[in-house]
Amino acid sequence: MILVTGASGHFGSKAVEHLLKKGIDPQEITVLVRDLVKAEFLKEQGVKIKEGNYSDYNSMVEAFIGVDKLLLVSSNDREAIENRTQHHKNAIDAAREAGVKHIVYTSFVRKLGFEGSAIAGFQNSHVQSEEYLKQSGIAYTILQNGIYTEMILAFVGDKVAETGTFLFPAGNGKASWTLREELAEVAAHVLITGNHQNKTYTLTNTESVGFNAIAQCISEALDKKINYKSPDVNEFRSVLENSGVPGMYIDMFIMWSTGVAEGMMDLEDSTLASLLGRKPTSVSQFIGQVYH
């Protein structure tokens, strides 16, 4: 039995979709969701639904009983980052109590020197969660996923085609953008194939791309000149505040843009391509599909 947490979310639902595409019997798949209403589409596909969340330990123990492999999709709690770490520890403890044999955990790509970077807090949550998992005694596979290609759309904004310009303080930094869809596909592959126990995989693209190149790709897709400007962080904050963007999102944009500027996500690797059995979708291919 395979259980997927966060299965009504973007990543978890895609992982379930790929398990089904790969021929897994829906009755061999269980999902843990916070909201049964949001999981109705999963129920219609024949998978088993369990209600629970990372803060409710007992709900997880009950859901995990009889599960062989657990896909632990990392928490997306929007409050303190420490909450995420505790959520992961709760899930790992519950899995151990329930007798889960193997946990596949979705972590994040990590480079040397992250401790002094803008994404240090975010990274530390994953570092602590990975260590806790390794010490749990349960067989593990850690998927250090790259930054989602889909996030580019949020970073450039929905008015880029109209204005012809986007602001993002990432300087000349590059990132190895990876499609969430393909990361979920690899997670499903790891769940149903062997020889992944106690391994850590770096899952990024084979080419890192910066925002000057992204602007060029959008220009080509729209057949219109698109300009990328990298303002000072304080100037960027002021522009967003004056546009009415909520503070939580401003902080998130600044964290990610500074992290890209620092090169914290510039890590090319062939493991994702190897596990997919093909070359991952490139940024230019993705942008060509979105802007046309």
Protein backbone atom coordinates (compact mmCIF):
# COMPACT_ATOMS: atom_id res chain seq x y z
CA MET A 1 0.00 0.00 0.00
CA ILE A 2 1.25 3.47 -0.97
CA LEU A 3 0.09 6.61 0.87
CA VAL A 4 0.53 10.14 -0.48
CA THR A 5 0.20 13.12 1.88
CA GLY A 6 -1.00 16.53 0.72
CA ALA A 7 -2.73 14.77 -2.13
CA SER A 8 -5.20 17.52 -2.94
CA GLY A 9 -2.30 19.92 -3.52
CA HIS A 10 -0.40 20.49 -6.76
CA PHE A 11 2.46 18.08 -6.12
CA GLY A 12 0.60 15.31 -4.30
CA SER A 13 -2.24 15.16 -6.82
CA LYS A 14 0.25 14.91 -9.69
CA ALA A 15 2.10 12.11 -7.90
CA VAL A 16 -1.17 10.17 -7.57
CA GLU A 17 -1.93 10.85 -11.23
CA HIS A 18 1.44 9.39 -12.25
CA LEU A 19 1.01 6.34 -9.99
CA LEU A 20 -2.26 5.62 -11.78
CA LYS A 21 -0.69 6.25 -15.21
CA LYS A 22 2.02 3.75 -14.32
CA GLY A 23 -0.62 1.09 -13.75
CA ILE A 24 -0.92 1.02 -9.96
CA ASP A 25 -4.33 -0.26 -8.83
CA PRO A 26 -6.26 2.68 -7.28
CA GLN A 27 -7.11 0.39 -4.36
CA GLU A 28 -3.38 0.20 -3.59
CA ILE A 29 -3.20 3.98 -3.18
CA THR A 30 -4.32 5.91 -0.09
CA VAL A 31 -4.17 9.68 0.27
CA LEU A 32 -4.13 11.88 3.34
CA VAL A 33 -5.95 15.18 2.93
CA ARG A 34 -7.05 17.99 5.23
CA ASP A 35 -10.31 18.63 3.39
CA LEU A 36 -12.43 15.76 2.10
CA VAL A 37 -14.36 18.07 -0.23
CA LYS A 38 -11.16 19.05 -2.03
CA ALA A 39 -10.31 15.35 -2.44
CA GLU A 40 -13.52 14.45 -4.24
CA PHE A 41 -11.69 14.24 -7.59
CA LEU A 42 -9.35 11.65 -6.07
CA LYS A 43 -12.21 9.62 -4.67
CA GLU A 44 -13.72 9.49 -8.15
CA GLN A 45 -10.50 7.86 -9.37
CA GLY A 46 -10.95 5.03 -6.88
CA VAL A 47 -8.16 5.83 -4.41
CA LYS A 48 -8.76 5.53 -0.68
CA ILE A 49 -9.20 8.81 1.18
CA LYS A 50 -8.08 9.50 4.77
CA GLU A 51 -8.74 12.78 6.54
CA GLY A 52 -5.95 14.21 8.66
CA ASN A 53 -3.12 16.70 8.82
CA TYR A 54 0.44 17.16 10.02
CA SER A 55 -0.68 18.77 13.28
CA ASP A 56 -3.01 15.89 14.20
CA TYR A 57 -0.67 13.07 15.17
CA ASN A 58 -3.37 10.49 15.87
CA SER A 59 -5.03 11.06 12.48
CA MET A 60 -1.73 10.26 10.79
CA VAL A 61 -1.05 7.11 12.83
CA GLU A 62 -4.51 5.84 11.93
CA ALA A 63 -4.05 6.72 8.24
CA PHE A 64 -0.57 5.15 8.04
CA ILE A 65 -1.49 1.72 9.45
CA GLY A 66 -1.01 -0.91 6.71
CA VAL A 67 1.06 1.47 4.54
CA ASP A 68 4.32 0.13 3.09
CA LYS A 69 5.56 3.27 1.34
CA LEU A 70 4.78 6.84 2.30
CA LEU A 71 5.28 9.86 0.03
CA LEU A 72 5.77 12.65 2.56
CA VAL A 73 5.10 15.84 0.61
CA SER A 74 6.73 18.66 2.56
CA SER A 75 4.43 20.98 4.49
CA ASN A 76 3.42 24.26 2.88
CA ASP A 77 2.45 25.92 6.16
CA ARG A 78 2.56 29.68 5.58
CA GLU A 79 3.23 30.60 9.19
CA ALA A 80 6.61 30.19 10.93
CA ILE A 81 9.02 27.92 9.05
CA GLU A 82 9.55 26.01 12.32
CA ASN A 83 5.98 24.74 11.94
CA ARG A 84 7.01 22.86 8.81
CA THR A 85 9.85 21.09 10.61
CA GLN A 86 7.51 20.00 13.38
CA HIS A 87 4.94 18.84 10.84
CA HIS A 88 7.54 16.60 9.19
CA LYS A 89 8.71 15.22 12.54
CA ASN A 90 5.11 14.46 13.50
CA ALA A 91 4.59 12.57 10.24
CA ILE A 92 7.83 10.60 10.62
CA ASP A 93 6.97 9.66 14.22
CA ALA A 94 3.46 8.62 13.17
CA ALA A 95 4.89 6.53 10.32
CA ARG A 96 7.26 4.76 12.71
CA GLU A 97 4.43 4.02 15.15
CA ALA A 98 2.23 2.70 12.33
CA GLY A 99 4.98 0.45 10.93
CA VAL A 100 5.61 2.23 7.61
CA LYS A 101 8.58 0.59 5.88
CA HIS A 102 9.82 3.33 3.54
CA ILE A 103 9.39 7.12 3.46
CA VAL A 104 10.01 9.18 0.32
CA TYR A 105 10.42 12.82 1.38
CA THR A 106 10.22 15.85 -0.90
CA SER A 107 13.06 18.15 0.18
CA PHE A 108 14.76 21.00 -1.67
CA VAL A 109 17.97 21.38 -3.63
CA ARG A 110 20.85 22.47 -1.45
CA LYS A 111 24.25 24.03 -2.13
CA LEU A 112 27.25 24.63 0.08
CA GLY A 113 27.06 28.02 1.79
CA PHE A 114 23.28 28.08 2.12
CA GLU A 115 23.62 28.91 5.84
CA GLY A 116 24.35 32.56 5.07
CA SER A 117 21.83 32.90 2.24
CA ALA A 118 18.37 34.43 1.99
CA ILE A 119 16.81 30.96 1.99
CA ALA A 120 18.69 29.70 5.06
CA GLY A 121 15.57 29.39 7.23
CA PHE A 122 13.69 27.51 4.53
CA GLN A 123 16.70 25.25 3.98
CA ASN A 124 17.26 24.60 7.68
CA SER A 125 13.74 23.19 7.95
CA HIS A 126 14.60 20.63 5.28
CA VAL A 127 18.03 19.90 6.78
CA GLN A 128 16.47 19.19 10.18
CA SER A 129 13.68 17.11 8.63
CA GLU A 130 16.16 15.05 6.58
CA GLU A 131 18.30 14.36 9.65
CA TYR A 132 15.26 13.35 11.70
CA LEU A 133 14.17 10.99 8.93
CA LYS A 134 17.65 9.43 8.67
CA GLN A 135 17.69 8.84 12.43
CA SER A 136 14.17 7.36 12.51
CA GLY A 137 15.27 3.86 11.55
CA ILE A 138 12.83 3.85 8.63
CA ALA A 139 14.21 3.30 5.12
CA TYR A 140 14.18 6.63 3.30
CA THR A 141 14.60 8.30 -0.06
CA ILE A 142 15.18 12.04 -0.04
CA LEU A 143 14.20 13.94 -3.17
CA GLN A 144 16.03 17.28 -3.19
CA ASN A 145 13.79 18.98 -5.72
CA GLY A 146 14.82 22.01 -7.73
CA ILE A 147 12.87 25.26 -7.72
CA TYR A 148 9.65 24.84 -9.71
CA THR A 149 9.65 26.18 -13.26
CA GLU A 150 6.02 27.16 -12.66
CA MET A 151 7.17 29.78 -10.15
CA ILE A 152 8.58 31.83 -13.02
CA LEU A 153 5.01 32.86 -13.86
CA ALA A 154 4.53 34.37 -10.39
CA PHE A 155 7.91 36.07 -10.49
CA VAL A 156 7.38 37.81 -13.84
CA GLY A 157 3.74 38.66 -13.05
CA ASP A 158 0.56 38.36 -15.06
CA LYS A 159 0.91 41.75 -16.78
CA VAL A 160 4.21 41.09 -18.52
CA ALA A 161 2.64 40.74 -21.96
CA GLU A 162 0.90 44.12 -21.56
CA THR A 163 3.70 46.12 -19.95
CA GLY A 164 6.64 44.57 -21.76
CA THR A 165 8.70 44.75 -18.56
CA PHE A 166 9.03 42.84 -15.33
CA LEU A 167 10.92 43.65 -12.14
CA PHE A 168 12.64 41.02 -10.03
CA PRO A 169 15.76 41.62 -7.92
CA ALA A 170 17.56 38.43 -8.93
CA GLY A 171 20.45 40.18 -10.68
CA ASN A 172 22.34 37.86 -12.99
CA GLY A 173 21.68 34.82 -10.81
CA LYS A 174 20.57 31.58 -12.41
CA ALA A 175 18.46 28.65 -11.23
CA SER A 176 18.05 25.09 -12.42
CA TRP A 177 14.29 25.29 -12.93
CA THR A 178 12.41 21.98 -12.76
CA LEU A 179 8.84 21.25 -13.76
CA ARG A 180 6.71 20.23 -10.77
CA GLU A 181 4.90 17.76 -13.02
CA GLU A 182 8.17 15.95 -13.78
CA LEU A 183 9.29 15.96 -10.15
CA ALA A 184 5.98 14.35 -9.20
CA GLU A 185 6.50 11.80 -11.98
CA VAL A 186 9.90 10.88 -10.52
CA ALA A 187 8.40 10.62 -7.02
CA ALA A 188 5.89 8.10 -8.39
CA HIS A 189 8.70 6.22 -10.14
CA VAL A 190 10.71 5.99 -6.91
CA LEU A 191 7.65 4.70 -5.03
CA ILE A 192 7.08 1.77 -7.39
CA THR A 193 10.61 0.75 -8.39
CA GLY A 194 13.43 -0.72 -6.35
CA ASN A 195 16.96 0.22 -5.30
CA HIS A 196 16.13 3.65 -3.86
CA GLN A 197 16.41 2.93 -0.16
CA ASN A 198 18.55 5.27 1.94
CA LYS A 199 19.48 7.43 -1.04
CA THR A 200 19.37 11.18 -1.60
CA TYR A 201 18.69 12.44 -5.13
CA THR A 202 19.43 15.92 -6.45
CA LEU A 203 16.58 16.56 -8.89
CA THR A 204 17.33 19.63 -10.99
CA ASN A 205 17.52 20.47 -14.65
CA THR A 206 20.56 19.98 -16.83
CA GLU A 207 20.82 23.72 -17.57
CA SER A 208 20.53 26.70 -15.23
CA VAL A 209 18.77 29.79 -16.58
CA GLY A 210 18.70 33.42 -15.42
CA PHE A 211 16.06 36.09 -15.88
CA ASN A 212 17.74 37.80 -18.81
CA ALA A 213 17.34 34.52 -20.71
CA ILE A 214 13.79 34.14 -19.39
CA ALA A 215 12.93 37.60 -20.73
CA GLN A 216 14.40 36.57 -24.08
CA CYS A 217 12.30 33.38 -24.12
CA ILE A 218 9.11 35.34 -23.36
CA SER A 219 10.04 37.87 -26.06
CA GLU A 220 10.35 35.08 -28.61
CA ALA A 221 7.12 33.41 -27.51
CA LEU A 222 5.12 36.66 -27.65
CA ASP A 223 7.00 38.08 -30.64
CA LYS A 224 7.39 41.23 -28.57
CA LYS A 225 10.37 42.72 -26.73
CA ILE A 226 10.19 41.94 -23.00
CA ASN A 227 12.60 43.70 -20.65
CA TYR A 228 13.91 42.35 -17.37
CA LYS A 229 14.95 44.85 -14.71
CA SER A 230 16.61 43.91 -11.43
CA PRO A 231 16.01 46.77 -8.99
CA ASP A 232 17.44 47.22 -5.53
CA VAL A 233 15.54 45.07 -3.02
CA ASN A 234 14.19 48.11 -1.13
CA GLU A 235 13.00 49.70 -4.37
CA PHE A 236 11.33 46.41 -5.33
CA ARG A 237 9.62 46.25 -1.94
CA SER A 238 8.31 49.80 -2.34
CA VAL A 239 6.91 49.08 -5.80
CA LEU A 240 5.05 46.00 -4.53
CA GLU A 241 3.78 47.79 -1.42
CA ASN A 242 2.48 50.65 -3.55
CA SER A 243 0.74 48.08 -5.77
CA GLY A 244 -1.08 46.63 -2.76
CA VAL A 245 0.72 43.29 -2.70
CA PRO A 246 0.35 41.65 0.77
CA GLY A 247 3.48 41.73 2.92
CA MET A 248 3.68 37.94 3.15
CA TYR A 249 4.02 37.67 -0.63
CA ILE A 250 6.52 40.52 -0.82
CA ASP A 251 8.74 38.75 1.70
CA MET A 252 8.42 35.51 -0.28
CA PHE A 253 9.36 37.21 -3.57
CA ILE A 254 12.37 38.87 -1.95
CA MET A 255 13.50 35.61 -0.33
CA TRP A 256 13.41 33.72 -3.63
CA SER A 257 14.85 36.52 -5.78
CA THR A 258 17.75 37.05 -3.39
CA GLY A 259 18.30 33.29 -3.22
CA VAL A 260 18.53 33.17 -7.02
CA ALA A 261 20.86 36.21 -7.04
CA GLU A 262 23.10 34.38 -4.55
CA GLY A 263 23.21 31.32 -6.84
CA MET A 264 21.62 29.05 -4.26
CA MET A 265 19.54 27.22 -6.89
CA ASP A 266 22.14 27.14 -9.64
CA LEU A 267 22.95 23.44 -9.53
CA GLU A 268 22.80 21.45 -12.76
CA ASP A 269 22.40 17.69 -12.40
CA SER A 270 21.53 14.73 -14.64
CA THR A 271 19.75 12.58 -12.00
CA LEU A 272 16.29 13.90 -12.86
CA ALA A 273 16.86 13.15 -16.55
CA SER A 274 18.11 9.67 -15.67
CA LEU A 275 15.09 8.81 -13.51
CA LEU A 276 12.65 10.31 -16.04
CA GLY A 277 14.32 8.43 -18.89
CA ARG A 278 14.34 11.60 -20.97
CA LYS A 279 15.60 15.17 -20.93
CA PRO A 280 13.56 17.36 -18.55
CA THR A 281 11.40 20.14 -19.98
CA SER A 282 13.51 23.24 -20.51
CA VAL A 283 12.56 26.77 -19.48
CA SER A 284 12.24 27.79 -23.13
CA GLN A 285 9.91 24.86 -23.84
CA PHE A 286 7.78 25.71 -20.80
CA ILE A 287 7.57 29.40 -21.70
CA GLY A 288 6.72 28.52 -25.30
CA GLN A 289 3.76 26.48 -24.03
CA VAL A 290 2.52 29.24 -21.69
CA TYR A 291 3.04 32.39 -23.76
CA HIS A 292 1.79 31.92 -27.29
